[in-house]
C-alpha atoms as a PDB file:
ATOM      1  CA  MET A   1     -70.910 -99.750 105.823  1.00  0.00           C
ATOM      2  CA  LEU A   2     -72.409 -98.551 102.202  1.00  0.00           C
ATOM      3  CA  GLU A   3     -76.109 -97.275 101.871  1.00  0.00           C
ATOM      4  CA  THR A   4     -76.873 -95.859  98.244  1.00  0.00           C
ATOM      5  CA  SER A   5     -79.836 -93.931  96.902  1.00  0.00           C
ATOM      6  CA  THR A   6     -80.549 -93.923  93.141  1.00  0.00           C
ATOM      7  CA  VAL A   7     -82.658 -91.649  91.461  1.00  0.00           C
ATOM      8  CA  LYS A   8     -85.461 -93.627  88.853  1.00  0.00           C
ATOM      9  CA  THR A   9     -87.637 -91.679  86.584  1.00  0.00           C
ATOM     10  CA  ASP A  10     -90.072 -93.008  84.238  1.00  0.00           C
ATOM     11  CA  ILE A  11     -91.625 -90.923  81.202  1.00  0.00           C
ATOM     12  CA  LEU A  12     -94.824 -92.164  79.662  1.00  0.00           C
ATOM     13  CA  ILE A  13     -95.222 -90.087  76.041  1.00  0.00           C
ATOM     14  CA  SER A  14     -99.511 -89.794  74.781  1.00  0.00           C
ATOM     15  CA  ARG A  15    -100.137 -89.326  71.033  1.00  0.00           C
ATOM     16  CA  TRP A  16    -102.873 -87.463  69.382  1.00  0.00           C
ATOM     17  CA  ASP A  17    -102.262 -87.452  65.508  1.00  0.00           C
ATOM     18  CA  GLU A  18    -103.054 -84.580  63.186  1.00  0.00           C
ATOM     19  CA  ASP A  19    -106.862 -85.537  62.673  1.00  0.00           C
ATOM     20  CA  GLN A  20    -107.741 -86.095  66.470  1.00  0.00           C
ATOM     21  CA  THR A  21    -106.197 -82.846  66.949  1.00  0.00           C
ATOM     22  CA  LYS A  22    -108.051 -80.501  64.409  1.00  0.00           C
ATOM     23  CA  TRP A  23    -110.738 -82.266  65.403  1.00  0.00           C
ATOM     24  CA  VAL A  24    -110.806 -80.581  68.925  1.00  0.00           C
ATOM     25  CA  ILE A  25    -109.181 -77.141  67.430  1.00  0.00           C
ATOM     26  CA  GLY A  26    -111.824 -77.391  65.830  1.00  0.00           C
ATOM     27  CA  LYS A  27    -114.385 -77.458  68.798  1.00  0.00           C
ATOM     28  CA  GLY A  28    -112.985 -73.958  70.083  1.00  0.00           C
ATOM     29  CA  TYR A  29    -110.327 -75.705  72.038  1.00  0.00           C
ATOM     30  CA  ALA A  30    -106.976 -73.974  70.057  1.00  0.00           C
ATOM     31  CA  ASP A  31    -104.048 -75.522  72.443  1.00  0.00           C
ATOM     32  CA  PRO A  32    -105.472 -78.958  73.176  1.00  0.00           C
ATOM     33  CA  GLN A  33    -104.561 -80.575  76.575  1.00  0.00           C
ATOM     34  CA  PRO A  34    -104.942 -84.290  77.204  1.00  0.00           C
ATOM     35  CA  ARG A  35    -107.947 -83.708  79.557  1.00  0.00           C
ATOM     36  CA  HIS A  36    -109.733 -81.568  75.960  1.00  0.00           C
ATOM     37  CA  PHE A  37    -109.016 -85.070  73.952  1.00  0.00           C
ATOM     38  CA  ALA A  38    -110.440 -86.941  77.831  1.00  0.00           C
ATOM     39  CA  MET A  39    -114.199 -85.008  77.375  1.00  0.00           C
ATOM     40  CA  PHE A  40    -114.227 -86.251  73.670  1.00  0.00           C
ATOM     41  CA  GLY A  41    -113.489 -89.795  74.580  1.00  0.00           C
ATOM     42  CA  ILE A  42    -110.567 -89.555  72.292  1.00  0.00           C
ATOM     43  CA  GLU A  43    -107.722 -91.836  72.915  1.00  0.00           C
ATOM     44  CA  PRO A  44    -104.546 -91.279  72.217  1.00  0.00           C
ATOM     45  CA  TYR A  45    -103.591 -93.338  68.972  1.00  0.00           C
ATOM     46  CA  LEU A  46    -100.372 -94.286  70.341  1.00  0.00           C
ATOM     47  CA  VAL A  47     -98.662 -94.349  74.367  1.00  0.00           C
ATOM     48  CA  THR A  48     -95.302 -95.593  75.230  1.00  0.00           C
ATOM     49  CA  THR A  49     -93.549 -95.704  78.800  1.00  0.00           C
ATOM     50  CA  HIS A  50     -89.996 -95.911  79.148  1.00  0.00           C
ATOM     51  CA  GLU A  51     -89.275 -97.214  83.294  1.00  0.00           C
ATOM     52  CA  ASP A  52     -85.836 -96.026  84.630  1.00  0.00           C
ATOM     53  CA  CYS A  53     -83.844 -93.844  81.753  1.00  0.00           C
ATOM     54  CA  ASN A  54     -82.828 -91.112  83.415  1.00  0.00           C
ATOM     55  CA  LEU A  55     -79.826 -89.799  85.641  1.00  0.00           C
ATOM     56  CA  LEU A  56     -79.445 -86.576  87.899  1.00  0.00           C
ATOM     57  CA  THR A  57     -76.970 -84.037  86.955  1.00  0.00           C
ATOM     58  CA  HIS A  58     -75.071 -82.312  89.601  1.00  0.00           C
ATOM     59  CA  ASN A  59     -77.068 -79.449  89.571  1.00  0.00           C
ATOM     60  CA  GLY A  60     -79.973 -81.458  90.319  1.00  0.00           C
ATOM     61  CA  TRP A  61     -78.236 -82.815  92.815  1.00  0.00           C
ATOM     62  CA  GLY A  62     -77.465 -79.507  94.293  1.00  0.00           C
ATOM     63  CA  ALA A  63     -80.732 -78.173  94.034  1.00  0.00           C
ATOM     64  CA  LEU A  64     -82.350 -80.987  95.833  1.00  0.00           C
ATOM     65  CA  LEU A  65     -79.848 -81.269  98.977  1.00  0.00           C
ATOM     66  CA  GLY A  66     -80.037 -77.396  99.083  1.00  0.00           C
ATOM     67  CA  GLY A  67     -83.398 -77.700  99.843  1.00  0.00           C
ATOM     68  CA  VAL A  68     -82.365 -79.802 102.885  1.00  0.00           C
ATOM     69  CA  ALA A  69     -79.401 -77.987 103.855  1.00  0.00           C
ATOM     70  CA  GLY A  70     -77.700 -74.591 102.121  1.00  0.00           C
ATOM     71  CA  THR A  71     -79.415 -72.797 100.000  1.00  0.00           C
ATOM     72  CA  THR A  72     -82.467 -73.443  98.158  1.00  0.00           C
ATOM     73  CA  ILE A  73     -82.348 -72.366  94.346  1.00  0.00           C
ATOM     74  CA  ALA A  74     -83.934 -69.067  93.363  1.00  0.00           C
ATOM     75  CA  THR A  75     -87.177 -69.981  91.266  1.00  0.00           C
ATOM     76  CA  LYS A  76     -88.312 -73.022  92.957  1.00  0.00           C
ATOM     77  CA  PHE A  77     -90.609 -75.531  90.310  1.00  0.00           C
ATOM     78  CA  SER A  78     -94.226 -74.236  90.326  1.00  0.00           C
ATOM     79  CA  GLY A  79     -96.800 -74.485  87.839  1.00  0.00           C
ATOM     80  CA  THR A  80     -95.465 -71.368  86.069  1.00  0.00           C
ATOM     81  CA  ALA A  81     -91.807 -72.467  86.727  1.00  0.00           C
ATOM     82  CA  GLY A  82     -90.932 -75.572  85.031  1.00  0.00           C
ATOM     83  CA  ARG A  83     -90.203 -77.408  81.438  1.00  0.00           C
ATOM     84  CA  ILE A  84     -89.792 -80.540  80.346  1.00  0.00           C
ATOM     85  CA  GLY A  85     -87.452 -80.543  77.043  1.00  0.00           C
ATOM     86  CA  VAL A  86     -87.083 -82.923  74.436  1.00  0.00           C
ATOM     87  CA  GLY A  87     -84.216 -83.255  71.939  1.00  0.00           C
ATOM     88  CA  THR A  88     -82.698 -85.329  68.926  1.00  0.00           C
ATOM     89  CA  VAL A  89     -79.360 -86.593  71.146  1.00  0.00           C
ATOM     90  CA  ALA A  90     -78.935 -89.853  72.455  1.00  0.00           C
ATOM     91  CA  THR A  91     -75.309 -89.442  73.217  1.00  0.00           C
ATOM     92  CA  ALA A  92     -75.340 -91.111  76.648  1.00  0.00           C
ATOM     93  CA  ALA A  93     -75.951 -88.537  79.725  1.00  0.00           C
ATOM     94  CA  THR A  94     -73.749 -87.720  82.087  1.00  0.00           C
ATOM     95  CA  ALA A  95     -74.099 -86.116  85.872  1.00  0.00           C
ATOM     96  CA  ALA A  96     -72.219 -83.246  83.921  1.00  0.00           C
ATOM     97  CA  ASP A  97     -74.771 -81.965  81.892  1.00  0.00           C
ATOM     98  CA  THR A  98     -76.303 -78.744  81.549  1.00  0.00           C
ATOM     99  CA  ALA A  99     -78.393 -78.769  78.523  1.00  0.00           C
ATOM    100  CA  LEU A 100     -79.837 -81.199  76.288  1.00  0.00           C
ATOM    101  CA  GLY A 101     -77.491 -82.837  73.672  1.00  0.00           C
ATOM    102  CA  GLY A 102     -79.725 -81.606  70.906  1.00  0.00           C
ATOM    103  CA  ASP A 103     -79.913 -77.801  72.636  1.00  0.00           C
ATOM    104  CA  THR A 104     -77.326 -75.702  69.905  1.00  0.00           C
ATOM    105  CA  GLY A 105     -78.544 -72.458  71.556  1.00  0.00           C
ATOM    106  CA  GLY A 106     -80.974 -72.062  69.079  1.00  0.00           C
ATOM    107  CA  SER A 107     -82.002 -74.641  66.331  1.00  0.00           C
ATOM    108  CA  SER A 108     -86.153 -75.816  66.761  1.00  0.00           C
ATOM    109  CA  THR A 109     -85.091 -78.501  65.070  1.00  0.00           C
ATOM    110  CA  THR A 110     -83.023 -79.985  67.282  1.00  0.00           C
ATOM    111  CA  SER A 111     -84.405 -79.513  70.708  1.00  0.00           C
ATOM    112  CA  TYR A 112     -87.488 -77.862  72.312  1.00  0.00           C
ATOM    113  CA  TYR A 113     -88.387 -76.753  76.117  1.00  0.00           C
ATOM    114  CA  GLN A 114     -92.117 -77.185  77.399  1.00  0.00           C
ATOM    115  CA  LEU A 115     -93.451 -75.365  79.982  1.00  0.00           C
ATOM    116  CA  VAL A 116     -95.246 -77.614  82.480  1.00  0.00           C
ATOM    117  CA  SER A 117     -98.611 -78.328  82.280  1.00  0.00           C
ATOM    118  CA  GLY A 118     -99.256 -77.448  86.138  1.00  0.00           C
ATOM    119  CA  ALA A 119     -97.755 -77.426  89.229  1.00  0.00           C
ATOM    120  CA  PRO A 120     -95.677 -80.609  89.768  1.00  0.00           C
ATOM    121  CA  THR A 121     -97.101 -83.177  91.954  1.00  0.00           C
ATOM    122  CA  ILE A 122     -95.389 -84.769  94.865  1.00  0.00           C
ATOM    123  CA  ASN A 123     -96.909 -87.695  96.659  1.00  0.00           C
ATOM    124  CA  THR A 124     -95.654 -89.067  99.966  1.00  0.00           C
ATOM    125  CA  SER A 125     -98.535 -91.634 100.285  1.00  0.00           C
ATOM    126  CA  ILE A 126     -95.942 -94.202  98.387  1.00  0.00           C
ATOM    127  CA  ALA A 127     -92.818 -95.290  98.964  1.00  0.00           C
ATOM    128  CA  PRO A 128     -90.286 -94.000  98.060  1.00  0.00           C
ATOM    129  CA  ALA A 129     -92.416 -91.120  97.440  1.00  0.00           C
ATOM    130  CA  THR A 130     -92.514 -89.319  93.755  1.00  0.00           C
ATOM    131  CA  LEU A 131     -92.349 -85.767  92.150  1.00  0.00           C
ATOM    132  CA  THR A 132     -94.394 -85.866  88.591  1.00  0.00           C
ATOM    133  CA  PHE A 133     -94.035 -83.228  85.703  1.00  0.00           C
ATOM    134  CA  ALA A 134     -96.144 -82.953  83.069  1.00  0.00           C
ATOM    135  CA  ALA A 135     -95.991 -80.789  79.761  1.00  0.00           C
ATOM    136  CA  THR A 136     -98.067 -81.170  76.393  1.00  0.00           C
ATOM    137  CA  PHE A 137     -96.272 -80.269  72.988  1.00  0.00           C
ATOM    138  CA  GLY A 138     -98.626 -78.467  70.986  1.00  0.00           C
ATOM    139  CA  THR A 139     -99.223 -78.647  66.501  1.00  0.00           C
ATOM    140  CA  SER A 140     -95.607 -76.679  65.750  1.00  0.00           C
ATOM    141  CA  VAL A 141     -93.150 -77.398  68.432  1.00  0.00           C
ATOM    142  CA  ALA A 142     -90.643 -80.520  68.595  1.00  0.00           C
ATOM    143  CA  ASN A 143     -91.398 -81.575  65.193  1.00  0.00           C
ATOM    144  CA  PHE A 144     -88.372 -83.994  64.842  1.00  0.00           C
ATOM    145  CA  ALA A 145     -87.123 -87.828  66.344  1.00  0.00           C
ATOM    146  CA  TRP A 146     -87.581 -87.637  70.145  1.00  0.00           C
ATOM    147  CA  ALA A 147     -83.955 -89.336  71.498  1.00  0.00           C
ATOM    148  CA  GLU A 148     -83.347 -87.335  74.804  1.00  0.00           C
ATOM    149  CA  PHE A 149     -85.574 -85.277  77.566  1.00  0.00           C
ATOM    150  CA  GLY A 150     -84.527 -83.455  81.155  1.00  0.00           C
ATOM    151  CA  ILE A 151     -86.869 -81.226  83.159  1.00  0.00           C
ATOM    152  CA  ASP A 152     -85.248 -77.332  83.904  1.00  0.00           C
ATOM    153  CA  ASN A 153     -86.630 -74.735  85.933  1.00  0.00           C
ATOM    154  CA  TYR A 154     -87.425 -72.372  84.009  1.00  0.00           C
ATOM    155  CA  THR A 155     -90.398 -69.619  83.160  1.00  0.00           C
ATOM    156  CA  ALA A 156     -91.069 -69.647  79.846  1.00  0.00           C
ATOM    157  CA  SER A 157     -90.800 -72.425  76.812  1.00  0.00           C
ATOM    158  CA  SER A 158     -88.094 -72.109  73.873  1.00  0.00           C
ATOM    159  CA  VAL A 159     -85.349 -74.281  71.785  1.00  0.00           C
ATOM    160  CA  THR A 160     -82.806 -73.316  74.566  1.00  0.00           C
ATOM    161  CA  THR A 161     -81.712 -73.319  78.209  1.00  0.00           C
ATOM    162  CA  THR A 162     -81.235 -70.146  80.059  1.00  0.00           C
ATOM    163  CA  SER A 163     -77.421 -69.479  81.281  1.00  0.00           C
ATOM    164  CA  THR A 164     -78.960 -66.962  83.878  1.00  0.00           C
ATOM    165  CA  GLY A 165     -81.278 -68.628  86.614  1.00  0.00           C
ATOM    166  CA  SER A 166     -82.612 -71.946  85.304  1.00  0.00           C
ATOM    167  CA  VAL A 167     -81.484 -75.214  86.737  1.00  0.00           C
ATOM    168  CA  PHE A 168     -81.112 -78.370  84.484  1.00  0.00           C
ATOM    169  CA  ILE A 169     -82.437 -80.831  86.806  1.00  0.00           C
ATOM    170  CA  ASN A 170     -81.651 -84.288  85.261  1.00  0.00           C
ATOM    171  CA  HIS A 171     -80.953 -85.723  81.442  1.00  0.00           C
ATOM    172  CA  GLY A 172     -82.888 -89.358  79.860  1.00  0.00           C
ATOM    173  CA  ILE A 173     -82.216 -91.414  77.049  1.00  0.00           C
ATOM    174  CA  SER A 174     -84.938 -92.658  74.896  1.00  0.00           C
ATOM    175  CA  ALA A 175     -85.870 -92.955  71.520  1.00  0.00           C
ATOM    176  CA  GLN A 176     -89.480 -91.907  71.406  1.00  0.00           C
ATOM    177  CA  GLY A 177     -89.756 -91.868  67.575  1.00  0.00           C
ATOM    178  CA  THR A 178     -90.913 -88.557  65.573  1.00  0.00           C
ATOM    179  CA  LYS A 179     -93.285 -86.293  66.675  1.00  0.00           C
ATOM    180  CA  VAL A 180     -94.644 -84.581  63.178  1.00  0.00           C
ATOM    181  CA  SER A 181     -96.317 -81.143  62.585  1.00  0.00           C
ATOM    182  CA  GLY A 182    -100.103 -81.186  63.430  1.00  0.00           C
ATOM    183  CA  GLN A 183     -99.794 -83.602  66.461  1.00  0.00           C
ATOM    184  CA  THR A 184     -99.776 -83.300  69.765  1.00  0.00           C
ATOM    185  CA  TRP A 185     -97.964 -85.019  72.326  1.00  0.00           C
ATOM    186  CA  ASN A 186     -97.983 -84.829  76.034  1.00  0.00           C
ATOM    187  CA  ILE A 187     -95.175 -86.066  78.251  1.00  0.00           C
ATOM    188  CA  THR A 188     -94.977 -87.057  82.070  1.00  0.00           C
ATOM    189  CA  ALA A 189     -91.769 -87.731  83.943  1.00  0.00           C
ATOM    190  CA  THR A 190     -92.438 -89.438  87.235  1.00  0.00           C
ATOM    191  CA  LEU A 191     -88.891 -89.228  89.562  1.00  0.00           C
ATOM    192  CA  ASN A 192     -88.834 -90.758  92.753  1.00  0.00           C
ATOM    193  CA  PHE A 193     -85.401 -92.223  94.909  1.00  0.00           C
ATOM    194  CA  GLY A 194     -84.801 -95.380  96.645  1.00  0.00           C
ATOM    195  CA  TYR A 195     -84.699 -97.680  93.320  1.00  0.00           C
ATOM    196  CA  PRO A 196     -81.541 -99.780  92.196  1.00  0.00           C
ATOM    197  CA  SER A 197     -80.799 -98.420  88.459  1.00  0.00           C
ATOM    198  CA  ASN A 198     -81.237-100.795  85.564  1.00  0.00           C
ATOM    199  CA  ALA A 199     -81.704-100.546  81.830  1.00  0.00           C
ATOM    200  CA  GLY A 200     -84.623 -99.741  81.668  1.00  0.00           C
ATOM    201  CA  VAL A 201     -87.286-100.665  78.652  1.00  0.00           C
ATOM    202  CA  VAL A 202     -89.618 -99.288  76.222  1.00  0.00           C
ATOM    203  CA  SER A 203     -93.115-100.690  75.573  1.00  0.00           C
END
């Protein structure tokens, strides 16, 4: 008897252009979040979703299984620990990945990891249960072509992962266009388990 379970991640990206962002900043919100745009009834100029575009890394599986039986990770995901990273490399993700393909260790033009906007949300009222992360990329960061994404548990935004203590749990390839200076983009990644994998589509 063979039983399989796969991870499935859907991402949703909402985008506000430079004029929309400047308007909200002018109202006193220096680093606008989606809720600030919503306060003034400002809709994103573009919203895209990409379904089933991700894999869980070996380190990600280790972190999950360690929480069930074994050693838990030193830094659990929370409102102050956890980042969504985006990068420019569209090479197929592998389970052995420990960072974004665009993560060169220092360049801000090929990768950026943004601290989450709040604690990840666990929803057990649906089957299978989901784990959702969200992060907002402000006007001066991640201004390049978004081709990939991943999540780790580090505690500060930066252009690279860290070699000590951080766990890169997943890696997905998804062409989302180019973010330019002055724009605000928000990414929401929802992980769940139990669905069969497929190629996924961008809509």
